[in-house]
């Protein structure tokens, strides 16, 4: 498979909650729990029990290795069915502060073997 990521992804073991932003004219209040599998300054991959629509926007707060919480908005770019009730999704950041992206890049430089 051709690599399309522009930044190296880090393998992490964190969970986050997503809140859909683009359904109709109001945000949904239903939070979706996901397990992040990899993270970069441009996007992330995660596993979930819910199929997600390509192009959907979600508000999220990611608790990183420093225990800081990074707010971000993501857009789903792919969601693949991997097993019964399990999906693996990829998302790009469409709303991430540059200072938070820098934290991810610094962590990546300090942990080159991941």
C-alpha atoms as a PDB file:
ATOM      1  CA  UNK A   1       0.000   0.000   0.000  1.00  0.00           C
ATOM      2  CA  UNK A   2       1.300   3.444  -0.892  1.00  0.00           C
ATOM      3  CA  UNK A   3       2.206   5.630   2.105  1.00  0.00           C
ATOM      4  CA  UNK A   4       0.245   8.888   1.927  1.00  0.00           C
ATOM      5  CA  UNK A   5       1.053  10.350   5.341  1.00  0.00           C
ATOM      6  CA  UNK A   6       3.144  13.481   5.348  1.00  0.00           C
ATOM      7  CA  UNK A   7       4.324  13.044   8.966  1.00  0.00           C
ATOM      8  CA  UNK A   8       5.637  10.021  10.853  1.00  0.00           C
ATOM      9  CA  UNK A   9       2.983   8.521  13.093  1.00  0.00           C
ATOM     10  CA  UNK A  10       3.706   7.586  16.695  1.00  0.00           C
ATOM     11  CA  UNK A  11       2.302   4.427  18.258  1.00  0.00           C
ATOM     12  CA  UNK A  12       0.428   5.427  21.420  1.00  0.00           C
ATOM     13  CA  UNK A  13      -1.938   3.756  23.826  1.00  0.00           C
ATOM     14  CA  UNK A  14      -4.505   6.434  24.658  1.00  0.00           C
ATOM     15  CA  UNK A  15      -8.258   6.766  24.512  1.00  0.00           C
ATOM     16  CA  UNK A  16     -10.215   9.831  23.501  1.00  0.00           C
ATOM     17  CA  UNK A  17     -13.811  10.865  23.030  1.00  0.00           C
ATOM     18  CA  UNK A  18     -15.192  12.305  19.813  1.00  0.00           C
ATOM     19  CA  UNK A  19     -18.217  14.555  19.380  1.00  0.00           C
ATOM     20  CA  UNK A  20     -19.652  14.873  15.867  1.00  0.00           C
ATOM     21  CA  UNK A  21     -19.874  18.457  14.642  1.00  0.00           C
ATOM     22  CA  UNK A  22     -21.401  18.314  11.192  1.00  0.00           C
ATOM     23  CA  UNK A  23     -24.704  16.468  11.513  1.00  0.00           C
ATOM     24  CA  UNK A  24     -27.362  18.905  10.475  1.00  0.00           C
ATOM     25  CA  UNK A  25     -27.177  22.335  12.043  1.00  0.00           C
ATOM     26  CA  UNK A  26     -26.466  21.200  15.608  1.00  0.00           C
ATOM     27  CA  UNK A  27     -23.694  19.199  17.174  1.00  0.00           C
ATOM     28  CA  UNK A  28     -24.454  15.772  18.519  1.00  0.00           C
ATOM     29  CA  UNK A  29     -24.148  15.245  22.249  1.00  0.00           C
ATOM     30  CA  UNK A  30     -23.303  11.568  21.870  1.00  0.00           C
ATOM     31  CA  UNK A  31     -19.651  10.934  22.669  1.00  0.00           C
ATOM     32  CA  UNK A  32     -17.813   8.114  20.924  1.00  0.00           C
ATOM     33  CA  UNK A  33     -14.955   6.369  22.713  1.00  0.00           C
ATOM     34  CA  UNK A  34     -12.039   5.314  20.543  1.00  0.00           C
ATOM     35  CA  UNK A  35      -8.592   3.801  21.077  1.00  0.00           C
ATOM     36  CA  UNK A  36      -5.866   5.812  19.333  1.00  0.00           C
ATOM     37  CA  UNK A  37      -3.357   3.576  17.548  1.00  0.00           C
ATOM     38  CA  UNK A  38      -1.066   6.223  16.073  1.00  0.00           C
ATOM     39  CA  UNK A  39      -0.686   9.981  16.094  1.00  0.00           C
ATOM     40  CA  UNK A  40       1.203  12.614  14.112  1.00  0.00           C
ATOM     41  CA  UNK A  41       1.028  16.366  13.851  1.00  0.00           C
ATOM     42  CA  UNK A  42      -1.182  15.997  10.776  1.00  0.00           C
ATOM     43  CA  UNK A  43      -3.552  13.203  11.839  1.00  0.00           C
ATOM     44  CA  UNK A  44      -4.267  10.020  13.733  1.00  0.00           C
ATOM     45  CA  UNK A  45      -5.509   6.462  13.438  1.00  0.00           C
ATOM     46  CA  UNK A  46      -7.889   4.811  15.874  1.00  0.00           C
ATOM     47  CA  UNK A  47     -10.074   1.784  16.513  1.00  0.00           C
ATOM     48  CA  UNK A  48     -13.762   2.081  17.290  1.00  0.00           C
ATOM     49  CA  UNK A  49     -16.888  -0.051  17.454  1.00  0.00           C
ATOM     50  CA  UNK A  50     -18.827   2.424  15.299  1.00  0.00           C
ATOM     51  CA  UNK A  51     -18.534   2.892  11.575  1.00  0.00           C
ATOM     52  CA  UNK A  52     -17.731   6.503  10.728  1.00  0.00           C
ATOM     53  CA  UNK A  53     -18.566   8.392   7.569  1.00  0.00           C
ATOM     54  CA  UNK A  54     -15.745   9.724   5.392  1.00  0.00           C
ATOM     55  CA  UNK A  55     -15.651  13.508   5.584  1.00  0.00           C
ATOM     56  CA  UNK A  56     -17.365  13.667   8.984  1.00  0.00           C
ATOM     57  CA  UNK A  57     -16.016  16.271  11.421  1.00  0.00           C
ATOM     58  CA  UNK A  58     -15.458  15.570  15.116  1.00  0.00           C
ATOM     59  CA  UNK A  59     -14.402  17.693  18.065  1.00  0.00           C
ATOM     60  CA  UNK A  60     -11.961  15.841  20.286  1.00  0.00           C
ATOM     61  CA  UNK A  61      -9.680  16.240  23.256  1.00  0.00           C
ATOM     62  CA  UNK A  62      -6.544  14.103  23.180  1.00  0.00           C
ATOM     63  CA  UNK A  63      -4.730  13.377  26.444  1.00  0.00           C
ATOM     64  CA  UNK A  64      -1.063  13.130  25.473  1.00  0.00           C
ATOM     65  CA  UNK A  65       1.938  11.524  27.224  1.00  0.00           C
ATOM     66  CA  UNK A  66       2.567  14.689  29.311  1.00  0.00           C
ATOM     67  CA  UNK A  67      -1.011  14.384  30.664  1.00  0.00           C
ATOM     68  CA  UNK A  68      -1.933  17.604  28.837  1.00  0.00           C
ATOM     69  CA  UNK A  69      -5.210  17.653  26.955  1.00  0.00           C
ATOM     70  CA  UNK A  70      -5.015  18.857  23.361  1.00  0.00           C
ATOM     71  CA  UNK A  71      -8.260  20.090  21.788  1.00  0.00           C
ATOM     72  CA  UNK A  72      -8.583  19.384  18.072  1.00  0.00           C
ATOM     73  CA  UNK A  73     -11.058  19.041  15.243  1.00  0.00           C
ATOM     74  CA  UNK A  74     -10.587  16.034  12.965  1.00  0.00           C
ATOM     75  CA  UNK A  75     -11.988  14.958   9.596  1.00  0.00           C
ATOM     76  CA  UNK A  76     -12.458  11.240   8.914  1.00  0.00           C
ATOM     77  CA  UNK A  77     -10.586  10.258   5.735  1.00  0.00           C
ATOM     78  CA  UNK A  78     -11.127   6.480   5.870  1.00  0.00           C
ATOM     79  CA  UNK A  79     -12.926   3.902   7.981  1.00  0.00           C
ATOM     80  CA  UNK A  80     -12.358   0.198   7.349  1.00  0.00           C
ATOM     81  CA  UNK A  81     -14.252  -2.746   8.805  1.00  0.00           C
ATOM     82  CA  UNK A  82     -11.583  -4.996  10.387  1.00  0.00           C
ATOM     83  CA  UNK A  83     -13.640  -7.491  12.393  1.00  0.00           C
ATOM     84  CA  UNK A  84     -17.074  -7.979  13.913  1.00  0.00           C
ATOM     85  CA  UNK A  85     -18.076  -4.636  15.476  1.00  0.00           C
ATOM     86  CA  UNK A  86     -14.549  -3.230  14.995  1.00  0.00           C
ATOM     87  CA  UNK A  87     -13.437  -0.487  12.613  1.00  0.00           C
ATOM     88  CA  UNK A  88     -10.086   1.190  12.025  1.00  0.00           C
ATOM     89  CA  UNK A  89     -10.343   4.831  11.009  1.00  0.00           C
ATOM     90  CA  UNK A  90      -7.888   7.451   9.836  1.00  0.00           C
ATOM     91  CA  UNK A  91      -8.372  11.153  10.378  1.00  0.00           C
ATOM     92  CA  UNK A  92      -6.596  14.388   9.574  1.00  0.00           C
ATOM     93  CA  UNK A  93      -6.470  17.412  11.830  1.00  0.00           C
ATOM     94  CA  UNK A  94      -8.414  20.347  10.454  1.00  0.00           C
ATOM     95  CA  UNK A  95      -8.229  22.307  13.691  1.00  0.00           C
ATOM     96  CA  UNK A  96      -5.040  21.878  15.741  1.00  0.00           C
ATOM     97  CA  UNK A  97      -3.067  24.720  17.283  1.00  0.00           C
ATOM     98  CA  UNK A  98       0.461  24.985  15.905  1.00  0.00           C
ATOM     99  CA  UNK A  99       1.870  24.828  19.445  1.00  0.00           C
ATOM    100  CA  UNK A 100       0.137  21.468  19.969  1.00  0.00           C
ATOM    101  CA  UNK A 101       1.403  20.157  16.619  1.00  0.00           C
ATOM    102  CA  UNK A 102       4.894  21.197  17.721  1.00  0.00           C
ATOM    103  CA  UNK A 103       4.540  19.136  20.931  1.00  0.00           C
ATOM    104  CA  UNK A 104       3.750  16.064  18.833  1.00  0.00           C
ATOM    105  CA  UNK A 105       6.720  16.737  16.531  1.00  0.00           C
ATOM    106  CA  UNK A 106       9.101  17.194  19.476  1.00  0.00           C
ATOM    107  CA  UNK A 107       7.924  13.922  21.023  1.00  0.00           C
ATOM    108  CA  UNK A 108       8.497  12.236  17.666  1.00  0.00           C
ATOM    109  CA  UNK A 109      12.084  13.538  17.514  1.00  0.00           C
ATOM    110  CA  UNK A 110      12.796  12.417  21.071  1.00  0.00           C
ATOM    111  CA  UNK A 111      11.397   8.916  20.447  1.00  0.00           C
ATOM    112  CA  UNK A 112      12.761   7.924  17.017  1.00  0.00           C
ATOM    113  CA  UNK A 113      12.327   4.162  17.494  1.00  0.00           C
ATOM    114  CA  UNK A 114       8.534   4.338  17.777  1.00  0.00           C
END
